[in-house]
Amino acid sequence: MGGSVLVGLDGTGNSVPAVRWGAKEAAARSLSLHLLHSWASQPLNVPIAQEAANKQRYGAEVLGTAEALALELHPGISVTTEQVSEQAVDALVDRSGRVTMMVLGSRGHGAISGFLLGSVSLHVLGRALCPVVTVREEESAAYGKPEIVVGVQEAGTRGEAVLDFAFAAAEAHHADVRAVRAWEPPALAGLAPTALTPSPDEGEPAADEEKRLADILAPWKARFPAVPVIEHVQRGRVAAVLLGACSRASLLVVGRRMQRTPMLLGPVVLAVLHHSPCPVAVVPRI
C-alpha cells in the first residue's frame, strides 16, 4: 500500500467521483490505487440485509465495481482492494500514515451538519496523517481546469507540506499554481469567515504581503521550475479570498493543524469544504 492513492468507498453513489479522481491521480503520479471498503460502516440505506455475510458480499460487489471502473478509465494502473471489519474511520486513519494521499466522496452542498458534521469524512479529515481530498458527487473526475489554488498563510516549515502537495500536483497535471495570500486589517476581525469584503486601495500593507508571499514561494519556484505560478494577494478573510480565487480551479489545497482541539477542523477548512466549487485537499501540517 505504501505510496499509493487510497480511496475510501462507502457503497453509495458518493464513491464514484472519488474513484474517478483517485484513479486519475494515481495514473498521473505513477502510483498504485488502493480501494478500501468497511462492511461494518455501510450506510443504513444500502439495499442489503443486516447480516454480516450479506454486508461482506455487498462490500465485495462495491470493490469489484470500483476496480472495474478504475481500470476502464486508466488501464495501466495497478489496483488493489481491501475489505475490512473495522469501522471506516479507524481503518482509514490507520492506513493514512502509509499512503501518499486519500480520496473520499462527499454528499455535496448543503448545511454543514448535513455535509460533514458527524460523518466519516469529518473525522478522517481531522485525524489523517496524509493529505485527504474530498470530491463531491456532482464534480467531474479531476483537473478539467488549468489551476491549482493553494492557500499560503504561514512561512517556514509549517506551510511546507501544503506547498509541496500543491506544486507536485501541478507538475503531475501540467497545471498552474495560484498561490493565494489573504491579509486582514484589524477592522475585519469581527467578520464571518466567509464574508466577502471590498477591495479598497491596499497601499503599503499589500506590498508587504506581496513581498512575504514572494519570499515564501521562492524555494518552490526553484524546485519546480516548469510549474507556472500566479501570485495572488488580496485583502479579506482567508476563506472568502480562497473561495473567490478558485472559480477556475481544478483543486483547492489548504492546510490544517495537527492535533487540533476541541474542533478537529478549523473554521477556514470547514468553510472551504462547504463552499468550494472544486475538490479540496486538506493537508496536515505541524
Protein backbone atom coordinates (compact mmCIF):
# COMPACT_ATOMS: atom_id res chain seq x y z
CA MET A 1 0.00 0.00 0.00
CA GLY A 2 2.97 2.32 0.52
CA GLY A 3 3.00 5.32 -1.79
CA SER A 4 -0.47 4.60 -3.14
CA VAL A 5 -3.61 6.67 -3.61
CA LEU A 6 -6.18 5.29 -1.18
CA VAL A 7 -9.88 5.71 -1.98
CA GLY A 8 -12.42 5.06 0.75
CA LEU A 9 -15.66 3.54 -0.59
CA ASP A 10 -18.92 3.78 1.35
CA GLY A 11 -21.06 1.78 -1.04
CA THR A 12 -23.13 4.72 -2.30
CA GLY A 13 -23.00 6.98 -5.33
CA ASN A 14 -20.61 9.24 -3.41
CA SER A 15 -17.85 6.74 -4.16
CA VAL A 16 -17.95 7.03 -7.95
CA PRO A 17 -16.41 10.54 -8.25
CA ALA A 18 -13.82 9.59 -5.63
CA VAL A 19 -12.80 6.53 -7.64
CA ARG A 20 -12.59 8.58 -10.84
CA TRP A 21 -10.49 11.24 -9.12
CA GLY A 22 -8.24 8.76 -7.35
CA ALA A 23 -7.65 6.69 -10.48
CA LYS A 24 -6.68 9.74 -12.50
CA GLU A 25 -4.35 10.92 -9.73
CA ALA A 26 -2.71 7.50 -9.49
CA ALA A 27 -2.16 7.45 -13.26
CA ALA A 28 -0.73 10.98 -13.35
CA ARG A 29 1.70 10.30 -10.50
CA SER A 30 2.57 6.70 -11.50
CA LEU A 31 1.20 5.39 -8.21
CA SER A 32 -0.92 2.38 -7.39
CA LEU A 33 -4.59 2.75 -6.44
CA HIS A 34 -5.86 1.10 -3.26
CA LEU A 35 -9.61 0.76 -2.75
CA LEU A 36 -10.90 0.22 0.78
CA HIS A 37 -14.40 -0.61 2.00
CA SER A 38 -15.55 -1.20 5.57
CA TRP A 39 -18.53 -3.56 5.67
CA ALA A 40 -19.03 -2.59 9.32
CA SER A 41 -19.67 1.05 8.32
CA GLN A 42 -22.05 0.60 5.40
CA PRO A 43 -24.76 3.29 5.33
CA LEU A 44 -28.18 2.30 6.65
CA ASN A 45 -29.78 2.84 3.24
CA VAL A 46 -27.77 0.28 1.27
CA PRO A 47 -30.05 -2.36 -0.30
CA ILE A 48 -28.96 -5.39 1.75
CA ALA A 49 -29.99 -7.28 4.84
CA GLN A 50 -28.17 -6.63 8.09
CA GLU A 51 -26.37 -9.95 8.43
CA ALA A 52 -22.58 -9.73 8.32
CA ALA A 53 -22.29 -12.21 5.45
CA ASN A 54 -24.61 -10.18 3.27
CA LYS A 55 -22.74 -6.99 4.15
CA GLN A 56 -19.46 -8.60 3.13
CA ARG A 57 -20.92 -9.83 -0.15
CA TYR A 58 -22.22 -6.35 -0.86
CA GLY A 59 -18.81 -4.90 0.02
CA ALA A 60 -17.14 -7.26 -2.43
CA GLU A 61 -19.51 -6.05 -5.14
CA VAL A 62 -18.71 -2.42 -4.27
CA LEU A 63 -14.98 -3.07 -4.53
CA GLY A 64 -15.33 -5.07 -7.75
CA THR A 65 -17.37 -2.36 -9.43
CA ALA A 66 -14.93 0.35 -8.35
CA GLU A 67 -11.92 -1.66 -9.53
CA ALA A 68 -13.53 -2.23 -12.92
CA LEU A 69 -14.27 1.48 -13.28
CA ALA A 70 -10.73 2.49 -12.37
CA LEU A 71 -9.19 0.05 -14.85
CA GLU A 72 -11.61 1.06 -17.58
CA LEU A 73 -10.60 4.70 -17.15
CA HIS A 74 -6.85 4.06 -16.70
CA PRO A 75 -5.92 0.54 -17.88
CA GLY A 76 -2.25 0.89 -16.97
CA ILE A 77 -2.60 1.49 -13.25
CA SER A 78 -2.14 -1.09 -10.51
CA VAL A 79 -5.30 -1.53 -8.41
CA THR A 80 -5.60 -3.37 -5.10
CA THR A 81 -8.72 -3.82 -2.97
CA GLU A 82 -9.32 -4.36 0.73
CA GLN A 83 -12.49 -5.06 2.70
CA VAL A 84 -12.22 -4.61 6.48
CA SER A 85 -14.35 -5.30 9.52
CA GLU A 86 -13.04 -2.22 11.34
CA GLN A 87 -15.07 0.95 11.46
CA ALA A 88 -14.29 3.07 8.40
CA VAL A 89 -12.75 5.97 10.35
CA ASP A 90 -10.37 3.70 12.26
CA ALA A 91 -9.33 1.79 9.13
CA LEU A 92 -8.71 4.91 7.05
CA VAL A 93 -6.83 6.78 9.78
CA ASP A 94 -4.69 3.71 10.49
CA ARG A 95 -3.65 3.46 6.84
CA SER A 96 -3.18 7.20 6.34
CA GLY A 97 0.41 7.00 7.53
CA ARG A 98 1.30 4.55 4.75
CA VAL A 99 -0.16 6.21 1.65
CA THR A 100 0.60 9.29 -0.43
CA MET A 101 -2.95 10.64 -0.22
CA MET A 102 -6.51 9.65 0.48
CA VAL A 103 -9.65 10.41 -1.54
CA LEU A 104 -13.18 10.49 -0.12
CA GLY A 105 -16.53 11.20 -1.70
CA SER A 106 -18.99 13.54 -0.02
CA ARG A 107 -22.66 14.32 -0.32
CA GLY A 108 -22.46 17.74 -1.91
CA HIS A 109 -23.51 21.23 -0.92
CA GLY A 110 -25.87 21.81 1.96
CA ALA A 111 -25.80 22.70 5.62
CA ILE A 112 -22.56 21.97 7.43
CA SER A 113 -24.42 19.47 9.61
CA GLY A 114 -25.66 17.63 6.51
CA PHE A 115 -22.39 17.88 4.60
CA LEU A 116 -19.77 16.75 7.06
CA LEU A 117 -20.64 17.02 10.74
CA GLY A 118 -20.61 13.62 12.40
CA SER A 119 -19.66 11.85 9.19
CA VAL A 120 -16.74 9.61 8.35
CA SER A 121 -15.23 12.40 6.27
CA LEU A 122 -15.12 14.87 9.15
CA HIS A 123 -13.28 12.53 11.49
CA VAL A 124 -10.87 11.27 8.83
CA LEU A 125 -10.05 14.80 7.69
CA GLY A 126 -9.26 15.78 11.25
CA ARG A 127 -7.10 12.78 12.11
CA ALA A 128 -5.41 11.55 8.92
CA LEU A 129 -1.63 11.72 8.65
CA CYS A 130 -1.69 12.23 4.87
CA PRO A 131 -3.43 14.74 2.57
CA VAL A 132 -7.13 13.97 2.16
CA VAL A 133 -9.06 15.06 -0.94
CA THR A 134 -12.85 15.36 -0.84
CA VAL A 135 -14.75 15.09 -4.12
CA ARG A 136 -18.47 15.82 -4.35
CA GLU A 137 -20.95 13.70 -6.25
CA GLU A 138 -21.64 16.40 -8.83
CA GLU A 139 -17.99 17.15 -9.56
CA SER A 140 -16.14 15.87 -12.60
CA ALA A 141 -13.24 13.44 -12.43
CA ALA A 142 -10.35 15.88 -11.95
CA TYR A 143 -8.22 18.59 -13.48
CA GLY A 144 -10.60 19.78 -16.16
CA LYS A 145 -9.48 23.33 -15.41
CA PRO A 146 -5.98 24.80 -15.53
CA GLU A 147 -5.26 26.00 -11.98
CA ILE A 148 -4.47 24.55 -8.59
CA VAL A 149 -5.18 27.09 -5.86
CA VAL A 150 -3.20 26.87 -2.64
CA GLY A 151 -3.59 28.93 0.50
CA VAL A 152 -0.28 30.42 1.68
CA GLN A 153 -0.62 31.99 5.11
CA GLU A 154 2.41 30.80 7.06
CA ALA A 155 6.12 30.98 6.35
CA GLY A 156 8.64 28.37 7.45
CA THR A 157 8.22 24.65 7.91
CA ARG A 158 4.53 24.83 8.91
CA GLY A 159 3.49 25.53 5.33
CA GLU A 160 5.92 23.23 3.54
CA ALA A 161 3.65 20.18 3.29
CA VAL A 162 0.84 22.29 1.83
CA LEU A 163 3.05 23.85 -0.83
CA ASP A 164 4.75 20.56 -1.61
CA PHE A 165 1.40 18.90 -2.28
CA ALA A 166 0.15 21.76 -4.47
CA PHE A 167 3.31 22.05 -6.57
CA ALA A 168 3.66 18.27 -7.00
CA ALA A 169 0.04 18.06 -8.16
CA ALA A 170 0.56 20.93 -10.60
CA GLU A 171 3.69 19.30 -12.01
CA ALA A 172 1.93 15.95 -12.44
CA HIS A 173 -1.05 17.52 -14.23
CA HIS A 174 0.76 20.30 -16.14
CA ALA A 175 -1.31 22.90 -14.30
CA ASP A 176 -0.62 26.37 -12.95
CA VAL A 177 -0.36 27.12 -9.25
CA ARG A 178 -2.30 30.11 -7.95
CA ALA A 179 -0.70 30.89 -4.59
CA VAL A 180 -3.18 32.90 -2.53
CA ARG A 181 -2.37 35.02 0.49
CA ALA A 182 -5.07 36.95 2.32
CA TRP A 183 -4.33 39.84 4.65
CA GLU A 184 -6.73 41.19 7.21
CA PRO A 185 -6.60 44.65 8.78
CA PRO A 186 -7.87 44.80 12.37
CA ALA A 187 -11.22 46.21 11.22
CA LEU A 188 -12.08 42.82 9.66
CA ALA A 189 -11.54 40.82 12.83
CA GLY A 190 -15.22 40.56 13.67
CA LEU A 191 -16.47 39.48 10.25
CA ALA A 192 -17.62 35.95 9.46
CA PRO A 193 -15.02 33.62 7.87
CA THR A 194 -16.79 33.58 4.51
CA ALA A 195 -17.79 37.25 4.38
CA LEU A 196 -16.70 38.95 1.18
CA THR A 197 -15.07 42.35 1.65
CA PRO A 198 -14.50 45.30 -0.66
CA SER A 199 -11.14 45.92 -2.27
CA PRO A 200 -10.03 49.40 -1.31
CA ASP A 201 -6.63 50.84 -2.09
CA GLU A 202 -4.38 48.43 -0.27
CA GLY A 203 -1.24 50.56 -0.28
CA GLU A 204 1.89 49.62 1.63
CA PRO A 205 0.40 46.72 3.65
CA ALA A 206 -0.42 44.93 0.41
CA ALA A 207 3.09 45.49 -0.90
CA ASP A 208 4.48 43.99 2.29
CA GLU A 209 2.25 40.96 1.89
CA GLU A 210 3.33 40.57 -1.73
CA LYS A 211 6.94 40.54 -0.60
CA ARG A 212 6.18 37.92 2.06
CA LEU A 213 4.43 35.72 -0.46
CA ALA A 214 7.26 36.04 -2.98
CA ASP A 215 9.80 35.09 -0.30
CA ILE A 216 7.79 32.03 0.75
CA LEU A 217 7.37 30.85 -2.84
CA ALA A 218 10.97 31.37 -3.98
CA PRO A 219 12.26 27.90 -2.93
CA TRP A 220 9.27 26.20 -4.52
CA LYS A 221 9.70 28.04 -7.79
CA ALA A 222 13.29 26.90 -7.85
CA ARG A 223 12.33 23.32 -7.05
CA PHE A 224 9.53 23.19 -9.63
CA PRO A 225 10.79 25.45 -12.46
CA ALA A 226 8.32 24.08 -15.02
CA VAL A 227 5.26 24.99 -12.93
CA PRO A 228 3.79 28.43 -13.76
CA VAL A 229 2.96 30.37 -10.60
CA ILE A 230 0.40 33.15 -10.16
CA GLU A 231 0.98 35.19 -7.00
CA HIS A 232 -2.35 36.35 -5.63
CA VAL A 233 -2.51 38.74 -2.66
CA GLN A 234 -5.88 40.10 -1.60
CA ARG A 235 -7.34 41.93 1.34
CA GLY A 236 -10.07 39.96 3.12
CA ARG A 237 -10.84 36.99 5.30
CA VAL A 238 -8.89 33.88 4.37
CA ALA A 239 -11.83 31.64 3.48
CA ALA A 240 -13.56 34.30 1.39
CA VAL A 241 -10.40 35.11 -0.55
CA LEU A 242 -9.66 31.44 -1.22
CA LEU A 243 -13.19 30.76 -2.41
CA GLY A 244 -13.12 33.79 -4.67
CA ALA A 245 -9.84 32.63 -6.19
CA CYS A 246 -10.88 29.09 -7.09
CA SER A 247 -13.61 29.74 -9.67
CA ARG A 248 -11.31 28.32 -12.38
CA ALA A 249 -9.53 25.79 -10.18
CA SER A 250 -9.38 22.04 -10.53
CA LEU A 251 -8.24 21.69 -6.93
CA LEU A 252 -8.05 23.84 -3.79
CA VAL A 253 -5.27 22.97 -1.34
CA VAL A 254 -5.41 24.10 2.30
CA GLY A 255 -3.56 23.14 5.46
CA ARG A 256 -4.86 22.06 8.84
CA ARG A 257 -3.24 21.99 12.23
CA MET A 258 -2.37 18.62 13.70
CA GLN A 259 -3.99 17.60 16.99
CA ARG A 260 -6.42 20.49 16.95
CA THR A 261 -8.89 20.53 19.87
CA PRO A 262 -11.74 20.68 20.63
CA MET A 263 -12.66 21.02 16.92
CA LEU A 264 -10.93 18.62 14.55
CA LEU A 265 -11.00 21.22 11.77
CA GLY A 266 -10.77 24.99 11.95
CA PRO A 267 -13.35 27.43 10.57
CA VAL A 268 -11.42 28.17 7.37
CA VAL A 269 -11.15 24.49 6.45
CA LEU A 270 -14.82 23.90 7.21
CA ALA A 271 -15.81 26.96 5.17
CA VAL A 272 -13.91 25.89 2.05
CA LEU A 273 -15.10 22.29 2.35
CA HIS A 274 -18.65 23.56 2.47
CA HIS A 275 -18.50 26.19 -0.28
CA SER A 276 -15.69 25.25 -2.69
CA PRO A 277 -16.79 24.63 -6.30
CA CYS A 278 -13.91 22.17 -6.81
CA PRO A 279 -12.33 19.26 -4.93
CA VAL A 280 -10.48 20.25 -1.75
CA ALA A 281 -7.21 18.77 -0.49
CA VAL A 282 -6.70 19.14 3.26
CA VAL A 283 -3.01 18.71 4.12
CA PRO A 284 -1.87 18.13 7.73
CA ARG A 285 0.89 20.44 8.92
CA ILE A 286 2.95 20.59 12.09
